[in-house]
Structure formats: C-alpha cells, structure tokens
Amino acid sequence: TIPLFGRNGMGYVYSSEYSGPEEAEKALRQAAGPAAADLE
C-alpha cells in the first residue's frame, strides 16, 4: 500500500505456484474495500 496525494497504490505480489490471478485479484479487492469495486 503506497499512499500518494489523492490515491493509494495497492498491489498483491504472489507466487503463481500458490495462487492464480483471479484468486489474487479477489484478495486484493477485498483488502482495498468498496473503493476498489469498479477499478480496473
């Protein structure tokens, strides 16, 4: 979580041996909360 002036950069760094992209994106969106609902 990287706080900028007006937004937060958020990202999930993971191993493809233990998670797929859909699972990782779901976990990231859950951590980010409602503000991430419609974000690409």
Full PDB file with SEQRES, HELIX, SHEET, SSBOND, CRYST1, ORIGX, SCALE, CONECT and MASTER records, all heavy atoms in Angstrom:
SEQRES   1 A   40  THR ILE PRO LEU PHE GLY ARG ASN GLY MET GLY TYR VAL          
SEQRES   2 A   40  TYR SER SER GLU TYR SER GLY PRO GLU GLU ALA GLU LYS          
SEQRES   3 A   40  ALA LEU ARG GLN ALA ALA GLY PRO ALA ALA ALA ASP LEU          
SEQRES   4 A   40  GLU                                                          
HELIX    1 AA1 PRO A   21  ALA A   32  1                                  12    
HELIX    2 AA2 PRO A   34  ALA A   36  5                                   3    
SHEET    1 AA1 2 ILE A   2  PRO A   3  0                                        
SHEET    2 AA1 2 ASN A   8  GLY A   9 -1                                        
CRYST1    1.000    1.000    1.000  90.00  90.00  90.00 P 1           1          
ORIGX1      1.000000  0.000000  0.000000        0.00000                         
ORIGX2      0.000000  1.000000  0.000000        0.00000                         
ORIGX3      0.000000  0.000000  1.000000        0.00000                         
SCALE1      1.000000  0.000000  0.000000        0.00000                         
SCALE2      0.000000  1.000000  0.000000        0.00000                         
SCALE3      0.000000  0.000000  1.000000        0.00000                         
ATOM      1  N   THR A   1       0.869  -1.172   0.000  1.00  0.00           N  
ATOM      2  CA  THR A   1       0.000   0.000   0.000  1.00  0.00           C  
ATOM      3  C   THR A   1       0.907   1.222   0.000  1.00  0.00           C  
ATOM      4  O   THR A   1       1.699   1.422   0.930  1.00  0.00           O  
ATOM      5  CB  THR A   1      -0.919   0.043   1.231  1.00  0.00           C  
ATOM      6  OG1 THR A   1      -1.683  -1.161   1.298  1.00  0.00           O  
ATOM      7  CG2 THR A   1      -1.873   1.233   1.143  1.00  0.00           C  
ATOM      8  N   ILE A   2       0.805   2.008  -1.056  1.00  0.00           N  
ATOM      9  CA  ILE A   2       1.669   3.178  -1.232  1.00  0.00           C  
ATOM     10  C   ILE A   2       0.784   4.419  -1.295  1.00  0.00           C  
ATOM     11  O   ILE A   2       0.035   4.613  -2.252  1.00  0.00           O  
ATOM     12  CB  ILE A   2       2.508   3.046  -2.516  1.00  0.00           C  
ATOM     13  CG1 ILE A   2       3.421   1.831  -2.416  1.00  0.00           C  
ATOM     14  CG2 ILE A   2       3.310   4.311  -2.762  1.00  0.00           C  
ATOM     15  CD1 ILE A   2       4.204   1.527  -3.673  1.00  0.00           C  
ATOM     16  N   PRO A   3       0.832   5.262  -0.263  1.00  0.00           N  
ATOM     17  CA  PRO A   3      -0.051   6.430  -0.211  1.00  0.00           C  
ATOM     18  C   PRO A   3       0.485   7.612  -1.015  1.00  0.00           C  
ATOM     19  O   PRO A   3       1.572   8.124  -0.736  1.00  0.00           O  
ATOM     20  CB  PRO A   3      -0.094   6.755   1.291  1.00  0.00           C  
ATOM     21  CG  PRO A   3       1.208   6.254   1.822  1.00  0.00           C  
ATOM     22  CD  PRO A   3       1.610   5.091   0.977  1.00  0.00           C  
ATOM     23  N   LEU A   4      -0.267   8.022  -2.002  1.00  0.00           N  
ATOM     24  CA  LEU A   4       0.048   9.212  -2.781  1.00  0.00           C  
ATOM     25  C   LEU A   4      -0.919  10.329  -2.402  1.00  0.00           C  
ATOM     26  O   LEU A   4      -1.818  10.145  -1.587  1.00  0.00           O  
ATOM     27  CB  LEU A   4      -0.061   8.915  -4.276  1.00  0.00           C  
ATOM     28  CG  LEU A   4       0.773   7.743  -4.804  1.00  0.00           C  
ATOM     29  CD1 LEU A   4       0.591   7.618  -6.311  1.00  0.00           C  
ATOM     30  CD2 LEU A   4       2.235   7.910  -4.460  1.00  0.00           C  
ATOM     31  N   PHE A   5      -0.726  11.489  -2.999  1.00  0.00           N  
ATOM     32  CA  PHE A   5      -1.636  12.601  -2.738  1.00  0.00           C  
ATOM     33  C   PHE A   5      -2.905  12.374  -3.561  1.00  0.00           C  
ATOM     34  O   PHE A   5      -2.945  12.629  -4.761  1.00  0.00           O  
ATOM     35  CB  PHE A   5      -0.990  13.940  -3.113  1.00  0.00           C  
ATOM     36  CG  PHE A   5      -1.715  15.127  -2.556  1.00  0.00           C  
ATOM     37  CD1 PHE A   5      -1.384  15.654  -1.317  1.00  0.00           C  
ATOM     38  CD2 PHE A   5      -2.750  15.729  -3.268  1.00  0.00           C  
ATOM     39  CE1 PHE A   5      -2.060  16.741  -0.792  1.00  0.00           C  
ATOM     40  CE2 PHE A   5      -3.432  16.818  -2.754  1.00  0.00           C  
ATOM     41  CZ  PHE A   5      -3.082  17.321  -1.511  1.00  0.00           C  
ATOM     42  N   GLY A   6      -3.937  11.829  -2.921  1.00  0.00           N  
ATOM     43  CA  GLY A   6      -5.210  11.626  -3.591  1.00  0.00           C  
ATOM     44  C   GLY A   6      -5.567  10.188  -3.900  1.00  0.00           C  
ATOM     45  O   GLY A   6      -6.709   9.900  -4.251  1.00  0.00           O  
ATOM     46  N   ARG A   7      -4.625   9.273  -3.788  1.00  0.00           N  
ATOM     47  CA  ARG A   7      -4.948   7.867  -4.016  1.00  0.00           C  
ATOM     48  C   ARG A   7      -3.921   6.990  -3.321  1.00  0.00           C  
ATOM     49  O   ARG A   7      -2.855   7.450  -2.902  1.00  0.00           O  
ATOM     50  CB  ARG A   7      -4.980   7.531  -5.506  1.00  0.00           C  
ATOM     51  CG  ARG A   7      -3.613   7.429  -6.178  1.00  0.00           C  
ATOM     52  CD  ARG A   7      -3.756   6.808  -7.569  1.00  0.00           C  
ATOM     53  NE  ARG A   7      -2.521   6.791  -8.316  1.00  0.00           N  
ATOM     54  CZ  ARG A   7      -1.625   5.803  -8.268  1.00  0.00           C  
ATOM     55  NH1 ARG A   7      -1.824   4.767  -7.475  1.00  0.00           N  
ATOM     56  NH2 ARG A   7      -0.526   5.853  -9.006  1.00  0.00           N  
ATOM     57  N   ASN A   8      -4.256   5.704  -3.237  1.00  0.00           N  
ATOM     58  CA  ASN A   8      -3.323   4.696  -2.748  1.00  0.00           C  
ATOM     59  C   ASN A   8      -3.004   3.736  -3.887  1.00  0.00           C  
ATOM     60  O   ASN A   8      -3.910   3.243  -4.564  1.00  0.00           O  
ATOM     61  CB  ASN A   8      -3.919   3.898  -1.588  1.00  0.00           C  
ATOM     62  CG  ASN A   8      -4.033   4.714  -0.318  1.00  0.00           C  
ATOM     63  OD1 ASN A   8      -3.154   5.522  -0.002  1.00  0.00           O  
ATOM     64  ND2 ASN A   8      -5.116   4.520   0.425  1.00  0.00           N  
ATOM     65  N   GLY A   9      -1.726   3.484  -4.101  1.00  0.00           N  
ATOM     66  CA  GLY A   9      -1.339   2.395  -4.978  1.00  0.00           C  
ATOM     67  C   GLY A   9      -1.360   1.118  -4.156  1.00  0.00           C  
ATOM     68  O   GLY A   9      -0.752   1.049  -3.097  1.00  0.00           O  
ATOM     69  N   MET A  10      -2.099   0.110  -4.608  1.00  0.00           N  
ATOM     70  CA  MET A  10      -2.175  -1.158  -3.891  1.00  0.00           C  
ATOM     71  C   MET A  10      -1.867  -2.298  -4.848  1.00  0.00           C  
ATOM     72  O   MET A  10      -2.258  -2.257  -6.024  1.00  0.00           O  
ATOM     73  CB  MET A  10      -3.556  -1.359  -3.267  1.00  0.00           C  
ATOM     74  CG  MET A  10      -3.917  -0.324  -2.213  1.00  0.00           C  
ATOM     75  SD  MET A  10      -5.488  -0.699  -1.352  1.00  0.00           S  
ATOM     76  CE  MET A  10      -5.020  -2.179  -0.427  1.00  0.00           C  
ATOM     77  N   GLY A  11      -1.153  -3.293  -4.339  1.00  0.00           N  
ATOM     78  CA  GLY A  11      -0.832  -4.425  -5.190  1.00  0.00           C  
ATOM     79  C   GLY A  11      -0.535  -5.666  -4.380  1.00  0.00           C  
ATOM     80  O   GLY A  11      -0.081  -5.585  -3.234  1.00  0.00           O  
ATOM     81  N   TYR A  12      -0.807  -6.804  -4.965  1.00  0.00           N  
ATOM     82  CA  TYR A  12      -0.574  -8.101  -4.328  1.00  0.00           C  
ATOM     83  C   TYR A  12       0.524  -8.807  -5.129  1.00  0.00           C  
ATOM     84  O   TYR A  12       0.349  -9.123  -6.301  1.00  0.00           O  
ATOM     85  CB  TYR A  12      -1.878  -8.901  -4.331  1.00  0.00           C  
ATOM     86  CG  TYR A  12      -1.862 -10.230  -3.595  1.00  0.00           C  
ATOM     87  CD1 TYR A  12      -0.735 -10.724  -2.942  1.00  0.00           C  
ATOM     88  CD2 TYR A  12      -3.019 -11.018  -3.564  1.00  0.00           C  
ATOM     89  CE1 TYR A  12      -0.750 -11.945  -2.274  1.00  0.00           C  
ATOM     90  CE2 TYR A  12      -3.047 -12.242  -2.901  1.00  0.00           C  
ATOM     91  CZ  TYR A  12      -1.904 -12.704  -2.264  1.00  0.00           C  
ATOM     92  OH  TYR A  12      -1.926 -13.916  -1.612  1.00  0.00           O  
ATOM     93  N   VAL A  13       1.676  -9.014  -4.495  1.00  0.00           N  
ATOM     94  CA  VAL A  13       2.786  -9.757  -5.081  1.00  0.00           C  
ATOM     95  C   VAL A  13       2.668 -11.207  -4.619  1.00  0.00           C  
ATOM     96  O   VAL A  13       2.612 -11.458  -3.411  1.00  0.00           O  
ATOM     97  CB  VAL A  13       4.137  -9.165  -4.635  1.00  0.00           C  
ATOM     98  CG1 VAL A  13       5.291 -10.003  -5.165  1.00  0.00           C  
ATOM     99  CG2 VAL A  13       4.264  -7.726  -5.099  1.00  0.00           C  
ATOM    100  N   TYR A  14       2.626 -12.158  -5.546  1.00  0.00           N  
ATOM    101  CA  TYR A  14       2.360 -13.534  -5.143  1.00  0.00           C  
ATOM    102  C   TYR A  14       3.118 -14.519  -6.030  1.00  0.00           C  
ATOM    103  O   TYR A  14       3.657 -14.169  -7.091  1.00  0.00           O  
ATOM    104  CB  TYR A  14       0.864 -13.832  -5.181  1.00  0.00           C  
ATOM    105  CG  TYR A  14       0.235 -13.729  -6.561  1.00  0.00           C  
ATOM    106  CD1 TYR A  14       0.052 -14.864  -7.352  1.00  0.00           C  
ATOM    107  CD2 TYR A  14      -0.189 -12.498  -7.070  1.00  0.00           C  
ATOM    108  CE1 TYR A  14      -0.534 -14.778  -8.609  1.00  0.00           C  
ATOM    109  CE2 TYR A  14      -0.771 -12.401  -8.326  1.00  0.00           C  
ATOM    110  CZ  TYR A  14      -0.934 -13.545  -9.095  1.00  0.00           C  
ATOM    111  OH  TYR A  14      -1.494 -13.456 -10.339  1.00  0.00           O  
ATOM    112  N   SER A  15       3.142 -15.752  -5.572  1.00  0.00           N  
ATOM    113  CA  SER A  15       3.748 -16.830  -6.340  1.00  0.00           C  
ATOM    114  C   SER A  15       2.666 -17.583  -7.105  1.00  0.00           C  
ATOM    115  O   SER A  15       1.657 -17.991  -6.519  1.00  0.00           O  
ATOM    116  CB  SER A  15       4.476 -17.799  -5.397  1.00  0.00           C  
ATOM    117  OG  SER A  15       4.834 -18.993  -6.074  1.00  0.00           O  
ATOM    118  N   SER A  16       2.901 -17.780  -8.403  1.00  0.00           N  
ATOM    119  CA  SER A  16       1.910 -18.494  -9.218  1.00  0.00           C  
ATOM    120  C   SER A  16       1.821 -19.967  -8.832  1.00  0.00           C  
ATOM    121  O   SER A  16       0.893 -20.666  -9.249  1.00  0.00           O  
ATOM    122  CB  SER A  16       2.271 -18.369 -10.699  1.00  0.00           C  
ATOM    123  OG  SER A  16       3.565 -18.892 -10.957  1.00  0.00           O  
ATOM    124  N   GLU A  17       2.767 -20.460  -8.017  1.00  0.00           N  
ATOM    125  CA  GLU A  17       2.685 -21.833  -7.523  1.00  0.00           C  
ATOM    126  C   GLU A  17       1.606 -21.979  -6.447  1.00  0.00           C  
ATOM    127  O   GLU A  17       1.132 -23.080  -6.182  1.00  0.00           O  
ATOM    128  CB  GLU A  17       4.029 -22.260  -6.934  1.00  0.00           C  
ATOM    129  CG  GLU A  17       5.169 -22.336  -7.934  1.00  0.00           C  
ATOM    130  CD  GLU A  17       6.466 -22.739  -7.268  1.00  0.00           C  
ATOM    131  OE1 GLU A  17       6.406 -23.417  -6.215  1.00  0.00           O  
ATOM    132  OE2 GLU A  17       7.538 -22.374  -7.780  1.00  0.00           O  
ATOM    133  N   TYR A  18       1.222 -20.861  -5.842  1.00  0.00           N  
ATOM    134  CA  TYR A  18       0.303 -20.926  -4.702  1.00  0.00           C  
ATOM    135  C   TYR A  18      -0.991 -20.143  -4.917  1.00  0.00           C  
ATOM    136  O   TYR A  18      -1.897 -20.240  -4.092  1.00  0.00           O  
ATOM    137  CB  TYR A  18       0.998 -20.404  -3.440  1.00  0.00           C  
ATOM    138  CG  TYR A  18       2.145 -21.276  -2.995  1.00  0.00           C  
ATOM    139  CD1 TYR A  18       3.432 -21.063  -3.484  1.00  0.00           C  
ATOM    140  CD2 TYR A  18       1.945 -22.324  -2.115  1.00  0.00           C  
ATOM    141  CE1 TYR A  18       4.497 -21.868  -3.095  1.00  0.00           C  
ATOM    142  CE2 TYR A  18       2.999 -23.141  -1.714  1.00  0.00           C  
ATOM    143  CZ  TYR A  18       4.275 -22.903  -2.213  1.00  0.00           C  
ATOM    144  OH  TYR A  18       5.322 -23.706  -1.827  1.00  0.00           O  
ATOM    145  N   SER A  19      -1.079 -19.370  -5.983  1.00  0.00           N  
ATOM    146  CA  SER A  19      -2.310 -18.612  -6.246  1.00  0.00           C  
ATOM    147  C   SER A  19      -2.433 -18.342  -7.739  1.00  0.00           C  
ATOM    148  O   SER A  19      -1.423 -18.148  -8.439  1.00  0.00           O  
ATOM    149  CB  SER A  19      -2.290 -17.284  -5.481  1.00  0.00           C  
ATOM    150  OG  SER A  19      -3.442 -16.513  -5.792  1.00  0.00           O  
ATOM    151  N   GLY A  20      -3.686 -18.315  -8.212  1.00  0.00           N  
ATOM    152  CA  GLY A  20      -3.959 -17.903  -9.569  1.00  0.00           C  
ATOM    153  C   GLY A  20      -4.291 -16.429  -9.613  1.00  0.00           C  
ATOM    154  O   GLY A  20      -4.544 -15.796  -8.578  1.00  0.00           O  
ATOM    155  N   PRO A  21      -4.325 -15.816 -10.800  1.00  0.00           N  
ATOM    156  CA  PRO A  21      -4.600 -14.386 -10.901  1.00  0.00           C  
ATOM    157  C   PRO A  21      -5.982 -13.978 -10.399  1.00  0.00           C  
ATOM    158  O   PRO A  21      -6.136 -12.924  -9.790  1.00  0.00           O  
ATOM    159  CB  PRO A  21      -4.433 -14.084 -12.395  1.00  0.00           C  
ATOM    160  CG  PRO A  21      -4.508 -15.410 -13.076  1.00  0.00           C  
ATOM    161  CD  PRO A  21      -4.002 -16.410 -12.107  1.00  0.00           C  
ATOM    162  N   GLU A  22      -6.988 -14.818 -10.629  1.00  0.00           N  
ATOM    163  CA  GLU A  22      -8.339 -14.460 -10.175  1.00  0.00           C  
ATOM    164  C   GLU A  22      -8.407 -14.456  -8.651  1.00  0.00           C  
ATOM    165  O   GLU A  22      -8.995 -13.549  -8.041  1.00  0.00           O  
ATOM    166  CB  GLU A  22      -9.370 -15.453 -10.745  1.00  0.00           C  
ATOM    167  CG  GLU A  22      -9.507 -15.428 -12.258  1.00  0.00           C  
ATOM    168  CD  GLU A  22      -8.435 -16.250 -12.954  1.00  0.00           C  
ATOM    169  OE1 GLU A  22      -7.665 -16.940 -12.237  1.00  0.00           O  
ATOM    170  OE2 GLU A  22      -8.352 -16.180 -14.199  1.00  0.00           O  
ATOM    171  N   GLU A  23      -7.815 -15.459  -8.036  1.00  0.00           N  
ATOM    172  CA  GLU A  23      -7.806 -15.542  -6.576  1.00  0.00           C  
ATOM    173  C   GLU A  23      -7.042 -14.364  -5.973  1.00  0.00           C  
ATOM    174  O   GLU A  23      -7.466 -13.771  -4.973  1.00  0.00           O  
ATOM    175  CB  GLU A  23      -7.160 -16.863  -6.158  1.00  0.00           C  
ATOM    176  CG  GLU A  23      -7.131 -17.099  -4.653  1.00  0.00           C  
ATOM    177  CD  GLU A  23      -6.413 -18.389  -4.296  1.00  0.00           C  
ATOM    178  OE1 GLU A  23      -5.967 -19.112  -5.209  1.00  0.00           O  
ATOM    179  OE2 GLU A  23      -6.282 -18.682  -3.080  1.00  0.00           O  
ATOM    180  N   ALA A  24      -5.912 -14.007  -6.593  1.00  0.00           N  
ATOM    181  CA  ALA A  24      -5.110 -12.893  -6.085  1.00  0.00           C  
ATOM    182  C   ALA A  24      -5.859 -11.572  -6.224  1.00  0.00           C  
ATOM    183  O   ALA A  24      -5.862 -10.745  -5.302  1.00  0.00           O  
ATOM    184  CB  ALA A  24      -3.784 -12.832  -6.835  1.00  0.00           C  
ATOM    185  N   GLU A  25      -6.508 -11.370  -7.357  1.00  0.00           N  
ATOM    186  CA  GLU A  25      -7.257 -10.129  -7.553  1.00  0.00           C  
ATOM    187  C   GLU A  25      -8.408 -10.034  -6.556  1.00  0.00           C  
ATOM    188  O   GLU A  25      -8.682  -8.955  -6.008  1.00  0.00           O  
ATOM    189  CB  GLU A  25      -7.791 -10.046  -8.981  1.00  0.00           C  
ATOM    190  CG  GLU A  25      -8.570  -8.764  -9.241  1.00  0.00           C  
ATOM    191  CD  GLU A  25      -9.052  -8.638 -10.676  1.00  0.00           C  
ATOM    192  OE1 GLU A  25      -8.450  -9.270 -11.578  1.00  0.00           O  
ATOM    193  OE2 GLU A  25     -10.040  -7.900 -10.902  1.00  0.00           O  
ATOM    194  N   LYS A  26      -9.071 -11.137  -6.303  1.00  0.00           N  
ATOM    195  CA  LYS A  26     -10.171 -11.134  -5.330  1.00  0.00           C  
ATOM    196  C   LYS A  26      -9.666 -10.742  -3.942  1.00  0.00           C  
ATOM    197  O   LYS A  26     -10.303  -9.931  -3.239  1.00  0.00           O  
ATOM    198  CB  LYS A  26     -10.823 -12.514  -5.291  1.00  0.00           C  
ATOM    199  CG  LYS A  26     -11.995 -12.621  -4.320  1.00  0.00           C  
ATOM    200  CD  LYS A  26     -12.597 -14.022  -4.337  1.00  0.00           C  
ATOM    201  CE  LYS A  26     -13.745 -14.138  -3.334  1.00  0.00           C  
ATOM    202  NZ  LYS A  26     -14.318 -15.521  -3.336  1.00  0.00           N  
ATOM    203  N   ALA A  27      -8.533 -11.296  -3.545  1.00  0.00           N  
ATOM    204  CA  ALA A  27      -7.977 -10.979  -2.228  1.00  0.00           C  
ATOM    205  C   ALA A  27      -7.571  -9.506  -2.143  1.00  0.00           C  
ATOM    206  O   ALA A  27      -7.773  -8.846  -1.116  1.00  0.00           O  
ATOM    207  CB  ALA A  27      -6.765 -11.871  -1.946  1.00  0.00           C  
ATOM    208  N   LEU A  28      -7.015  -8.975  -3.234  1.00  0.00           N  
ATOM    209  CA  LEU A  28      -6.616  -7.560  -3.254  1.00  0.00           C  
ATOM    210  C   LEU A  28      -7.828  -6.653  -3.167  1.00  0.00           C  
ATOM    211  O   LEU A  28      -7.838  -5.677  -2.404  1.00  0.00           O  
ATOM    212  CB  LEU A  28      -5.818  -7.269  -4.524  1.00  0.00           C  
ATOM    213  CG  LEU A  28      -5.378  -5.814  -4.712  1.00  0.00           C  
ATOM    214  CD1 LEU A  28      -4.435  -5.372  -3.598  1.00  0.00           C  
ATOM    215  CD2 LEU A  28      -4.701  -5.637  -6.082  1.00  0.00           C  
ATOM    216  N   ARG A  29      -8.867  -6.962  -3.930  1.00  0.00           N  
ATOM    217  CA  ARG A  29     -10.069  -6.125  -3.891  1.00  0.00           C  
ATOM    218  C   ARG A  29     -10.720  -6.176  -2.511  1.00  0.00           C  
ATOM    219  O   ARG A  29     -11.241  -5.166  -2.023  1.00  0.00           O  
ATOM    220  CB  ARG A  29     -11.054  -6.594  -4.962  1.00  0.00           C  
ATOM    221  CG  ARG A  29     -10.615  -6.271  -6.383  1.00  0.00           C  
ATOM    222  CD  ARG A  29     -11.686  -6.607  -7.402  1.00  0.00           C  
ATOM    223  NE  ARG A  29     -11.259  -6.338  -8.760  1.00  0.00           N  
ATOM    224  CZ  ARG A  29     -11.280  -5.138  -9.338  1.00  0.00           C  
ATOM    225  NH1 ARG A  29     -11.734  -4.096  -8.651  1.00  0.00           N  
ATOM    226  NH2 ARG A  29     -10.863  -4.972 -10.569  1.00  0.00           N  
ATOM    227  N   GLN A  30     -10.708  -7.326  -1.896  1.00  0.00           N  
ATOM    228  CA  GLN A  30     -11.280  -7.445  -0.560  1.00  0.00           C  
ATOM    229  C   GLN A  30     -10.505  -6.571   0.425  1.00  0.00           C  
ATOM    230  O   GLN A  30     -11.094  -5.895   1.278  1.00  0.00           O  
ATOM    231  CB  GLN A  30     -11.250  -8.906  -0.108  1.00  0.00           C  
ATOM    232  CG  GLN A  30     -11.912  -9.145   1.248  1.00  0.00           C  
ATOM    233  CD  GLN A  30     -11.972 -10.612   1.612  1.00  0.00           C  
ATOM    234  OE1 GLN A  30     -11.419 -11.464   0.911  1.00  0.00           O  
ATOM    235  NE2 GLN A  30     -12.637 -10.942   2.702  1.00  0.00           N  
ATOM    236  N   ALA A  31      -9.181  -6.550   0.311  1.00  0.00           N  
ATOM    237  CA  ALA A  31      -8.363  -5.720   1.196  1.00  0.00           C  
ATOM    238  C   ALA A  31      -8.569  -4.235   0.923  1.00  0.00           C  
ATOM    239  O   ALA A  31      -8.559  -3.414   1.848  1.00  0.00           O  
ATOM    240  CB  ALA A  31      -6.890  -6.081   1.030  1.00  0.00           C  
ATOM    241  N   ALA A  32      -8.787  -3.876  -0.344  1.00  0.00           N  
ATOM    242  CA  ALA A  32      -8.951  -2.472  -0.712  1.00  0.00           C  
ATOM    243  C   ALA A  32     -10.323  -1.934  -0.319  1.00  0.00           C  
ATOM    244  O   ALA A  32     -10.479  -0.719  -0.112  1.00  0.00           O  
ATOM    245  CB  ALA A  32      -8.726  -2.293  -2.214  1.00  0.00           C  
ATOM    246  N   GLY A  33     -11.322  -2.789  -0.237  1.00  0.00           N  
ATOM    247  CA  GLY A  33     -12.645  -2.357   0.189  1.00  0.00           C  
ATOM    248  C   GLY A  33     -13.503  -1.816  -0.930  1.00  0.00           C  
ATOM    249  O   GLY A  33     -13.176  -1.941  -2.116  1.00  0.00           O  
ATOM    250  N   PRO A  34     -14.630  -1.169  -0.594  1.00  0.00           N  
ATOM    251  CA  PRO A  34     -15.597  -0.704  -1.589  1.00  0.00           C  
ATOM    252  C   PRO A  34     -15.019   0.264  -2.615  1.00  0.00           C  
ATOM    253  O   PRO A  34     -15.505   0.325  -3.746  1.00  0.00           O  
ATOM    254  CB  PRO A  34     -16.665  -0.005  -0.736  1.00  0.00           C  
ATOM    255  CG  PRO A  34     -16.538  -0.631   0.619  1.00  0.00           C  
ATOM    256  CD  PRO A  34     -15.094  -0.937   0.786  1.00  0.00           C  
ATOM    257  N   ALA A  35     -13.985   1.013  -2.265  1.00  0.00           N  
ATOM    258  CA  ALA A  35     -13.408   1.987  -3.199  1.00  0.00           C  
ATOM    259  C   ALA A  35     -12.833   1.319  -4.439  1.00  0.00           C  
ATOM    260  O   ALA A  35     -12.647   1.972  -5.472  1.00  0.00           O  
ATOM    261  CB  ALA A  35     -12.320   2.805  -2.495  1.00  0.00           C  
ATOM    262  N   ALA A  36     -12.563   0.010  -4.367  1.00  0.00           N  
ATOM    263  CA  ALA A  36     -11.948  -0.696  -5.495  1.00  0.00           C  
ATOM    264  C   ALA A  36     -12.977  -1.378  -6.393  1.00  0.00           C  
ATOM    265  O   ALA A  36     -12.608  -2.027  -7.376  1.00  0.00           O  
ATOM    266  CB  ALA A  36     -10.959  -1.733  -4.977  1.00  0.00           C  
ATOM    267  N   ALA A  37     -14.248  -1.211  -6.109  1.00  0.00           N  
ATOM    268  CA  ALA A  37     -15.291  -2.008  -6.765  1.00  0.00           C  
ATOM    269  C   ALA A  37     -15.249  -1.939  -8.285  1.00  0.00           C  
ATOM    270  O   ALA A  37     -15.330  -2.962  -8.968  1.00  0.00           O  
ATOM    271  CB  ALA A  37     -16.655  -1.573  -6.244  1.00  0.00           C  
ATOM    272  N   ASP A  38     -15.127  -0.765  -8.854  1.00  0.00           N  
ATOM    273  CA  ASP A  38     -15.206  -0.620 -10.311  1.00  0.00           C  
ATOM    274  C   ASP A  38     -13.859  -0.333 -10.959  1.00  0.00           C  
ATOM    275  O   ASP A  38     -13.802   0.086 -12.125  1.00  0.00           O  
ATOM    276  CB  ASP A  38     -16.189   0.510 -10.658  1.00  0.00           C  
ATOM    277  CG  ASP A  38     -17.600   0.230 -10.158  1.00  0.00           C  
ATOM    278  OD1 ASP A  38     -18.023  -0.935 -10.257  1.00  0.00           O  
ATOM    279  OD2 ASP A  38     -18.254   1.162  -9.646  1.00  0.00           O  
ATOM    280  N   LEU A  39     -12.783  -0.546 -10.219  1.00  0.00           N  
ATOM    281  CA  LEU A  39     -11.455  -0.223 -10.742  1.00  0.00           C  
ATOM    282  C   LEU A  39     -10.913  -1.362 -11.601  1.00  0.00           C  
ATOM    283  O   LEU A  39     -11.143  -2.535 -11.330  1.00  0.00           O  
ATOM    284  CB  LEU A  39     -10.485   0.043  -9.589  1.00  0.00           C  
ATOM    285  CG  LEU A  39     -10.850   1.180  -8.635  1.00  0.00           C  
ATOM    286  CD1 LEU A  39      -9.802   1.279  -7.532  1.00  0.00           C  
ATOM    287  CD2 LEU A  39     -10.942   2.506  -9.390  1.00  0.00           C  
ATOM    288  N   GLU A  40     -10.166  -0.993 -12.630  1.00  0.00           N  
ATOM    289  CA  GLU A  40      -9.529  -1.991 -13.488  1.00  0.00           C  
ATOM    290  C   GLU A  40      -8.227  -2.448 -12.839  1.00  0.00           C  
ATOM    291  O   GLU A  40      -7.402  -1.639 -12.403  1.00  0.00           O  
ATOM    292  CB  GLU A  40      -9.240  -1.401 -14.870  1.00  0.00           C  
ATOM    293  CG  GLU A  40      -8.605  -2.394 -15.828  1.00  0.00           C  
ATOM    294  CD  GLU A  40      -8.330  -1.788 -17.198  1.00  0.00           C  
ATOM    295  OE1 GLU A  40      -8.690  -0.619 -17.410  1.00  0.00           O  
ATOM    296  OE2 GLU A  40      -7.749  -2.497 -18.045  1.00  0.00           O  
TER     297      GLU A  40                                                      
MASTER        0    0    0    2    2    0    0    6  296    1    0    4          
END                                                                             
